[in-house]
């Protein structure tokens, strides 16, 4: 048997894109997040996942789940055997425990194995074993070869409005899969019990923004430590099964967005980001029972001058200030604003004391819009001084 290998390398499985392709963080000595390589498994053809509202092929979800549970976060050795004109790389991947991913997939029957051209023998021992595994899987009717093809349909999400969804899941532990990390403070999660995809903003923190790929191509740059913070979250949680708790609905007019927490190694992700200097505390959105712990985590990072706190002054470490200056970033209604602290860059939720205005809500009260517009026209994007009456 002969197989031409273009290149080899070592790394960690970053994500599972489908039942036959994965993303790998390649080992690198360079500073910053490591390079990512997408590898398609040679001679393996799994059912296709649908994109842009297209339907998944039968068993596409189950095939991807098998591979995700098999290798996500594992150390692997990979070899690239072929590269297409558009840059797609095909090869073999083996975990540090000696598990060949393609062979394991064929044994469980979660993909079709490409046969060699007519009259030719399999190119490698692995290819021959995979074809033998496929024959057994077909005989045993397992994986994609099940008799009941209806069982291969991807579950349909339960459709609920944002507020009904919040009422159902508020303060309950829910199992989900982290599908995408926008930045250290915002992730997309698929909830396993209802198959609903939501955007979850971590309650109690503000993390450096990372612009979309399109905006970065236009010249917009990530905020300091934004890429490092996103990598920290990806390294621990991307494509992992996690426990989340939804604590509040997201900002108005943002469907499917919520504030909440994610469990990480016995702690919340928010506390770990604060402790490592990847985020700053936002008290107004923090769950009350977590607030004191989050404050301690931030104080640790400030004391060690970690990352975002590298140039922090002693004043920042003292805790909440009674007077500060900032810039108005958002007007929620006629008496509540989001103000970005000039000293810390933290966005704080501020409510004007001793003022009662018409409420916005789902059914705005009379003159609610007018009250908000009056305040917005006078202060939005303006520099302001804040005097704290009480918290």
Protein backbone atom coordinates (compact mmCIF):
# COMPACT_ATOMS: atom_id res chain seq x y z
CA UNK A 1 0.00 0.00 0.00
CA UNK A 2 1.17 3.50 -0.80
CA UNK A 3 -0.14 6.91 0.29
CA UNK A 4 1.41 10.23 -0.61
CA UNK A 5 1.51 12.60 2.38
CA UNK A 6 1.91 16.31 1.70
CA UNK A 7 2.35 17.42 5.31
CA UNK A 8 1.85 16.32 8.92
CA UNK A 9 1.28 18.13 12.16
CA UNK A 10 -0.05 18.08 15.70
CA UNK A 11 -2.78 20.09 17.34
CA UNK A 12 -6.05 20.15 19.29
CA UNK A 13 -9.53 19.69 17.83
CA UNK A 14 -11.14 23.13 17.90
CA UNK A 15 -14.53 22.33 16.34
CA UNK A 16 -16.42 19.64 14.46
CA UNK A 17 -17.94 21.15 11.32
CA UNK A 18 -19.75 18.04 10.07
CA UNK A 19 -19.62 14.27 10.29
CA UNK A 20 -16.49 14.20 8.11
CA UNK A 21 -14.62 17.45 8.76
CA UNK A 22 -13.00 19.15 11.75
CA UNK A 23 -11.10 22.31 12.64
CA UNK A 24 -7.75 21.94 14.38
CA UNK A 25 -5.65 24.43 16.32
CA UNK A 26 -2.22 23.63 14.95
CA UNK A 27 0.63 23.60 17.47
CA UNK A 28 2.52 26.88 17.21
CA UNK A 29 5.22 28.70 19.13
CA UNK A 30 4.07 32.11 17.91
CA UNK A 31 2.40 34.49 20.35
CA UNK A 32 -1.38 34.81 20.30
CA UNK A 33 -4.11 32.35 19.24
CA UNK A 34 -2.72 29.45 17.14
CA UNK A 35 -3.50 28.99 13.43
CA UNK A 36 -6.60 26.98 12.47
CA UNK A 37 -6.67 24.23 9.82
CA UNK A 38 -9.82 22.60 8.48
CA UNK A 39 -9.29 18.93 7.64
CA UNK A 40 -11.71 16.79 5.63
CA UNK A 41 -11.30 13.08 6.35
CA UNK A 42 -10.03 11.17 3.32
CA UNK A 43 -12.48 8.67 1.73
CA UNK A 44 -15.25 9.62 4.17
CA UNK A 45 -18.54 11.15 3.00
CA UNK A 46 -20.97 11.99 5.80
CA UNK A 47 -24.53 13.27 5.26
CA UNK A 48 -24.55 17.01 4.55
CA UNK A 49 -25.69 19.57 7.08
CA UNK A 50 -28.02 22.20 5.66
CA UNK A 51 -26.95 25.84 5.63
CA UNK A 52 -28.86 29.05 4.87
CA UNK A 53 -32.16 27.48 5.95
CA UNK A 54 -31.63 24.36 3.81
CA UNK A 55 -32.73 21.02 5.30
CA UNK A 56 -30.15 18.67 6.79
CA UNK A 57 -29.68 15.37 4.99
CA UNK A 58 -30.97 12.36 6.98
CA UNK A 59 -28.59 11.50 9.87
CA UNK A 60 -26.40 14.57 9.20
CA UNK A 61 -26.92 15.84 12.76
CA UNK A 62 -26.37 12.41 14.35
CA UNK A 63 -23.22 11.87 12.27
CA UNK A 64 -21.76 15.19 13.37
CA UNK A 65 -22.70 14.52 17.01
CA UNK A 66 -20.86 11.17 16.94
CA UNK A 67 -17.68 12.83 15.71
CA UNK A 68 -18.05 15.79 18.10
CA UNK A 69 -18.35 13.57 21.14
CA UNK A 70 -15.47 11.42 19.89
CA UNK A 71 -12.83 14.09 19.40
CA UNK A 72 -13.70 17.63 20.50
CA UNK A 73 -10.87 19.11 22.57
CA UNK A 74 -8.62 16.08 22.02
CA UNK A 75 -4.95 16.24 21.07
CA UNK A 76 -4.46 14.84 17.57
CA UNK A 77 -1.91 14.04 14.90
CA UNK A 78 -2.97 14.83 11.33
CA UNK A 79 -1.57 14.17 7.88
CA UNK A 80 -2.68 15.94 4.70
CA UNK A 81 -2.78 13.75 1.58
CA UNK A 82 -4.52 16.00 -0.93
CA UNK A 83 -5.30 19.68 -1.40
CA UNK A 84 -7.89 20.95 -3.90
CA UNK A 85 -7.56 24.03 -6.08
CA UNK A 86 -9.76 26.04 -3.67
CA UNK A 87 -7.53 25.12 -0.70
CA UNK A 88 -9.60 22.33 0.87
CA UNK A 89 -7.32 19.81 2.64
CA UNK A 90 -8.05 16.07 2.85
CA UNK A 91 -6.23 13.78 5.23
CA UNK A 92 -6.19 11.44 8.22
CA UNK A 93 -6.55 12.39 11.87
CA UNK A 94 -5.64 10.26 14.89
CA UNK A 95 -6.08 11.11 18.57
CA UNK A 96 -3.22 10.82 21.03
CA UNK A 97 -4.98 7.69 22.34
CA UNK A 98 -4.50 6.07 18.93
CA UNK A 99 -8.09 6.38 17.66
CA UNK A 100 -8.24 6.96 13.88
CA UNK A 101 -11.30 9.16 13.36
CA UNK A 102 -12.17 7.85 9.91
CA UNK A 103 -11.92 4.22 11.03
CA UNK A 104 -14.09 4.93 14.10
CA UNK A 105 -16.74 6.62 11.93
CA UNK A 106 -16.84 3.69 9.50
CA UNK A 107 -17.11 1.21 12.38
CA UNK A 108 -20.14 3.04 13.80
CA UNK A 109 -21.67 3.42 10.33
CA UNK A 110 -22.04 7.21 10.44
CA UNK A 111 -20.73 7.90 6.91
CA UNK A 112 -20.27 6.31 3.52
CA UNK A 113 -16.77 5.21 2.58
CA UNK A 114 -15.62 5.95 -0.95
CA UNK A 115 -14.65 2.85 -2.91
CA UNK A 116 -11.42 2.76 -4.93
CA UNK A 117 -11.70 3.13 -8.74
CA UNK A 118 -12.83 0.02 -10.61
CA UNK A 119 -10.21 -2.69 -10.65
CA UNK A 120 -8.00 -1.05 -8.07
CA UNK A 121 -7.15 -2.04 -4.53
CA UNK A 122 -7.60 0.28 -1.51
CA UNK A 123 -4.62 2.64 -1.27
CA UNK A 124 -3.94 2.09 2.43
CA UNK A 125 -4.57 -0.40 5.23
CA UNK A 126 -6.90 2.15 6.84
CA UNK A 127 -8.97 2.43 3.64
CA UNK A 128 -9.32 -1.37 3.43
CA UNK A 129 -10.40 -1.56 7.11
CA UNK A 130 -12.92 1.25 6.59
CA UNK A 131 -14.52 -0.57 3.64
CA UNK A 132 -14.75 -3.76 5.70
CA UNK A 133 -16.30 -1.77 8.58
CA UNK A 134 -18.85 -0.28 6.20
CA UNK A 135 -19.90 -3.72 4.99
CA UNK A 136 -20.48 -4.85 8.60
CA UNK A 137 -22.40 -1.65 9.41
CA UNK A 138 -24.67 -2.25 6.41
CA UNK A 139 -25.29 -5.83 7.51
CA UNK A 140 -25.99 -4.75 11.10
CA UNK A 141 -28.14 -1.79 9.92
CA UNK A 142 -26.46 0.75 12.19
CA UNK A 143 -25.62 4.44 11.77
CA UNK A 144 -26.84 5.90 8.48
CA UNK A 145 -27.75 2.37 7.29
CA UNK A 146 -30.70 2.03 9.69
CA UNK A 147 -33.93 0.71 8.20
CA UNK A 148 -35.95 3.55 9.74
CA UNK A 149 -34.68 6.51 7.74
CA UNK A 150 -37.26 8.77 9.42
CA UNK A 151 -35.16 8.45 12.58
CA UNK A 152 -32.45 10.43 10.80
CA UNK A 153 -34.43 13.66 10.64
CA UNK A 154 -32.86 16.55 12.54
CA UNK A 155 -35.15 17.57 15.45
CA UNK A 156 -37.20 20.69 14.78
CA UNK A 157 -36.83 23.63 17.19
CA UNK A 158 -39.67 24.59 19.48
CA UNK A 159 -40.75 28.07 18.38
CA UNK A 160 -41.42 30.50 21.22
CA UNK A 161 -41.31 34.28 21.46
CA UNK A 162 -38.36 35.75 23.36
CA UNK A 163 -40.43 36.52 26.46
CA UNK A 164 -42.26 33.17 26.48
CA UNK A 165 -38.91 31.46 26.09
CA UNK A 166 -37.51 33.49 29.00
CA UNK A 167 -40.50 32.67 31.19
CA UNK A 168 -40.02 28.96 30.48
CA UNK A 169 -36.27 28.81 31.16
CA UNK A 170 -35.62 31.62 33.63
CA UNK A 171 -33.11 30.60 36.35
CA UNK A 172 -33.21 26.95 35.24
CA UNK A 173 -30.11 24.91 34.41
CA UNK A 174 -30.29 23.97 30.72
CA UNK A 175 -27.94 21.73 28.71
CA UNK A 176 -26.65 23.20 25.46
CA UNK A 177 -23.86 23.09 22.89
CA UNK A 178 -21.74 26.18 22.26
CA UNK A 179 -21.85 26.53 18.46
CA UNK A 180 -20.11 29.87 17.97
CA UNK A 181 -18.06 32.34 20.02
CA UNK A 182 -18.55 35.93 18.87
CA UNK A 183 -16.25 37.34 21.55
CA UNK A 184 -15.40 36.46 25.14
CA UNK A 185 -18.74 37.77 26.40
CA UNK A 186 -21.15 36.52 23.72
CA UNK A 187 -21.79 33.01 22.37
CA UNK A 188 -24.38 31.17 20.31
CA UNK A 189 -25.82 28.12 22.06
CA UNK A 190 -28.03 25.28 20.83
CA UNK A 191 -30.29 24.06 23.63
CA UNK A 192 -30.52 20.27 23.45
CA UNK A 193 -33.98 19.80 24.98
CA UNK A 194 -35.82 22.05 22.50
CA UNK A 195 -33.22 22.40 19.71
CA UNK A 196 -33.55 26.19 19.87
CA UNK A 197 -30.55 28.36 19.00
CA UNK A 198 -30.04 31.43 21.18
CA UNK A 199 -27.50 34.20 21.61
CA UNK A 200 -26.22 34.29 25.19
CA UNK A 201 -24.47 37.35 26.60
CA UNK A 202 -22.61 36.62 29.81
CA UNK A 203 -24.31 38.39 32.69
CA UNK A 204 -22.10 40.57 34.85
CA UNK A 205 -19.23 41.28 32.45
CA UNK A 206 -18.16 43.41 29.52
CA UNK A 207 -15.54 41.90 27.19
CA UNK A 208 -13.50 43.51 24.38
CA UNK A 209 -15.34 43.42 21.06
CA UNK A 210 -14.19 41.41 18.05
CA UNK A 211 -15.66 42.76 14.78
CA UNK A 212 -17.10 40.35 12.24
CA UNK A 213 -14.78 39.01 9.54
CA UNK A 214 -16.37 41.35 7.00
CA UNK A 215 -15.77 44.41 9.19
CA UNK A 216 -12.19 43.37 9.86
CA UNK A 217 -11.63 43.15 6.11
CA UNK A 218 -12.92 46.73 5.89
CA UNK A 219 -10.24 47.81 8.37
CA UNK A 220 -12.03 47.64 11.74
CA UNK A 221 -9.74 46.14 14.37
CA UNK A 222 -10.56 44.02 17.44
CA UNK A 223 -10.33 45.81 20.77
CA UNK A 224 -7.22 45.06 22.89
CA UNK A 225 -7.23 41.47 24.19
CA UNK A 226 -10.41 40.75 22.20
CA UNK A 227 -8.88 37.92 20.16
CA UNK A 228 -7.11 36.46 23.20
CA UNK A 229 -10.34 36.53 25.21
CA UNK A 230 -12.29 34.84 22.42
CA UNK A 231 -9.61 32.15 22.16
CA UNK A 232 -9.84 31.53 25.92
CA UNK A 233 -13.57 30.83 25.57
CA UNK A 234 -13.19 28.77 22.39
CA UNK A 235 -10.43 26.65 23.92
CA UNK A 236 -12.64 25.70 26.86
CA UNK A 237 -16.16 25.73 25.44
CA UNK A 238 -16.49 25.75 21.63
CA UNK A 239 -18.57 22.74 20.51
CA UNK A 240 -18.66 21.50 24.11
CA UNK A 241 -21.77 20.41 25.99
CA UNK A 242 -22.34 22.96 28.77
CA UNK A 243 -24.82 23.90 31.48
CA UNK A 244 -26.26 27.39 31.09
CA UNK A 245 -28.63 29.49 33.18
CA UNK A 246 -30.68 32.27 31.59
CA UNK A 247 -31.06 35.24 33.96
CA UNK A 248 -32.61 38.03 31.85
CA UNK A 249 -33.89 38.80 28.34
CA UNK A 250 -31.49 40.65 26.06
CA UNK A 251 -31.74 44.17 24.72
CA UNK A 252 -35.02 45.30 23.18
CA UNK A 253 -35.73 44.23 19.58
CA UNK A 254 -33.01 41.54 19.63
CA UNK A 255 -34.91 38.31 19.10
CA UNK A 256 -33.48 35.20 20.72
CA UNK A 257 -30.90 37.09 22.82
CA UNK A 258 -30.55 36.60 26.57
CA UNK A 259 -28.24 37.31 29.48
CA UNK A 260 -27.05 34.35 31.51
CA UNK A 261 -24.19 32.30 32.87
CA UNK A 262 -22.24 29.24 31.72
CA UNK A 263 -20.67 26.70 34.05
CA UNK A 264 -16.95 26.07 33.56
CA UNK A 265 -14.94 23.65 35.73
CA UNK A 266 -17.06 24.29 38.82
CA UNK A 267 -17.09 28.06 38.31
CA UNK A 268 -18.95 30.41 36.01
CA UNK A 269 -17.31 31.47 32.77
CA UNK A 270 -17.81 35.11 33.77
CA UNK A 271 -15.76 34.64 36.95
CA UNK A 272 -12.92 32.99 35.02
CA UNK A 273 -12.83 35.79 32.45
CA UNK A 274 -12.70 38.39 35.22
CA UNK A 275 -10.04 36.47 37.16
CA UNK A 276 -7.82 36.25 34.08
CA UNK A 277 -8.27 39.89 33.04
CA UNK A 278 -10.22 39.18 29.85
CA UNK A 279 -13.31 41.13 30.96
CA UNK A 280 -14.54 43.84 33.31
CA UNK A 281 -17.37 43.71 35.82
CA UNK A 282 -20.80 45.13 34.92
CA UNK A 283 -22.74 45.18 38.16
CA UNK A 284 -26.20 45.98 36.80
CA UNK A 285 -26.39 42.76 34.74
CA UNK A 286 -24.69 40.47 37.27
CA UNK A 287 -26.88 37.85 39.01
CA UNK A 288 -27.25 39.09 42.63
CA UNK A 289 -26.02 35.80 44.15
CA UNK A 290 -22.84 35.95 42.02
CA UNK A 291 -21.99 39.63 42.42
CA UNK A 292 -19.66 39.40 45.43
CA UNK A 293 -17.71 36.52 43.87
CA UNK A 294 -17.38 38.44 40.60
CA UNK A 295 -16.08 41.48 42.47
CA UNK A 296 -13.40 39.35 44.16
CA UNK A 297 -12.36 37.85 40.82
CA UNK A 298 -11.93 41.31 39.30
CA UNK A 299 -9.98 42.53 42.32
CA UNK A 300 -7.56 39.60 41.84
CA UNK A 301 -6.97 40.61 38.22
CA UNK A 302 -6.53 44.28 39.13
CA UNK A 303 -4.03 43.42 41.87
CA UNK A 304 -1.99 41.32 39.43
CA UNK A 305 -2.42 43.88 36.61
CA UNK A 306 -3.55 41.15 34.26
CA UNK A 307 -4.28 41.98 30.61
CA UNK A 308 -7.07 44.62 30.61
CA UNK A 309 -5.78 45.87 33.97
CA UNK A 310 -2.14 46.18 32.90
CA UNK A 311 -2.23 49.96 33.30
CA UNK A 312 -4.90 50.15 36.00
CA UNK A 313 -4.52 52.84 38.62
CA UNK A 314 -5.03 52.36 42.34
CA UNK A 315 -8.29 54.29 42.00
CA UNK A 316 -9.85 51.53 39.89
CA UNK A 317 -9.05 48.86 42.49
CA UNK A 318 -10.87 50.68 45.30
CA UNK A 319 -14.29 49.64 44.01
CA UNK A 320 -17.39 51.67 43.04
CA UNK A 321 -16.90 55.44 42.89
CA UNK A 322 -19.54 57.94 43.96
CA UNK A 323 -18.66 60.34 41.15
CA UNK A 324 -17.34 59.59 37.67
CA UNK A 325 -17.50 60.73 34.08
CA UNK A 326 -18.46 58.85 30.98
CA UNK A 327 -20.14 58.95 27.59
CA UNK A 328 -23.77 57.97 26.92
CA UNK A 329 -23.88 54.95 24.63
CA UNK A 330 -27.57 54.02 24.75
CA UNK A 331 -30.88 55.43 26.01
CA UNK A 332 -33.26 52.68 27.14
CA UNK A 333 -36.22 54.86 28.12
CA UNK A 334 -36.94 58.29 29.57
CA UNK A 335 -34.94 57.62 32.74
CA UNK A 336 -32.41 54.83 32.06
CA UNK A 337 -29.15 54.95 30.12
CA UNK A 338 -26.04 52.94 29.33
CA UNK A 339 -22.97 55.08 30.10
CA UNK A 340 -19.39 54.06 29.31
CA UNK A 341 -17.02 54.93 32.15
CA UNK A 342 -14.14 57.09 30.90
CA UNK A 343 -11.66 55.52 33.32
CA UNK A 344 -12.48 51.81 33.00
CA UNK A 345 -14.34 51.65 29.64
CA UNK A 346 -17.03 49.67 31.48
CA UNK A 347 -20.58 50.20 30.24
CA UNK A 348 -22.84 50.88 33.23
CA UNK A 349 -26.61 50.86 33.51
CA UNK A 350 -27.74 54.11 35.15
CA UNK A 351 -31.28 55.04 36.20
CA UNK A 352 -32.12 58.67 37.02
CA UNK A 353 -33.15 58.84 40.68
CA UNK A 354 -36.42 60.42 41.85
CA UNK A 355 -37.88 60.31 38.32
CA UNK A 356 -40.81 58.19 37.16
CA UNK A 357 -41.42 58.04 33.41
CA UNK A 358 -43.86 56.09 31.20
CA UNK A 359 -42.62 52.52 30.74
CA UNK A 360 -41.61 51.11 27.35
CA UNK A 361 -42.12 47.36 27.68
CA UNK A 362 -44.07 45.15 25.26
CA UNK A 363 -47.03 47.55 25.30
CA UNK A 364 -45.53 51.03 25.81
CA UNK A 365 -47.44 53.43 28.02
CA UNK A 366 -48.64 56.78 26.69
CA UNK A 367 -45.78 59.18 25.89
CA UNK A 368 -43.11 56.51 26.58
CA UNK A 369 -41.54 57.01 23.13
CA UNK A 370 -41.65 60.79 23.47
CA UNK A 371 -39.94 60.66 26.88
CA UNK A 372 -37.17 58.42 25.53
CA UNK A 373 -36.69 60.56 22.42
CA UNK A 374 -36.38 63.73 24.47
CA UNK A 375 -33.63 62.22 26.61
CA UNK A 376 -31.93 60.61 23.61
CA UNK A 377 -31.81 63.86 21.64
CA UNK A 378 -30.15 65.67 24.53
CA UNK A 379 -27.54 63.19 25.80
CA UNK A 380 -26.76 60.36 23.32
CA UNK A 381 -22.99 60.22 22.60
CA UNK A 382 -22.43 63.20 24.94
CA UNK A 383 -19.87 63.28 27.74
CA UNK A 384 -21.60 63.38 31.14
CA UNK A 385 -20.79 63.53 34.84
CA UNK A 386 -22.49 60.95 37.08
CA UNK A 387 -23.15 61.35 40.80
CA UNK A 388 -24.26 58.10 42.45
CA UNK A 389 -27.14 58.42 44.91
CA UNK A 390 -27.53 54.71 45.76
CA UNK A 391 -27.22 51.19 44.33
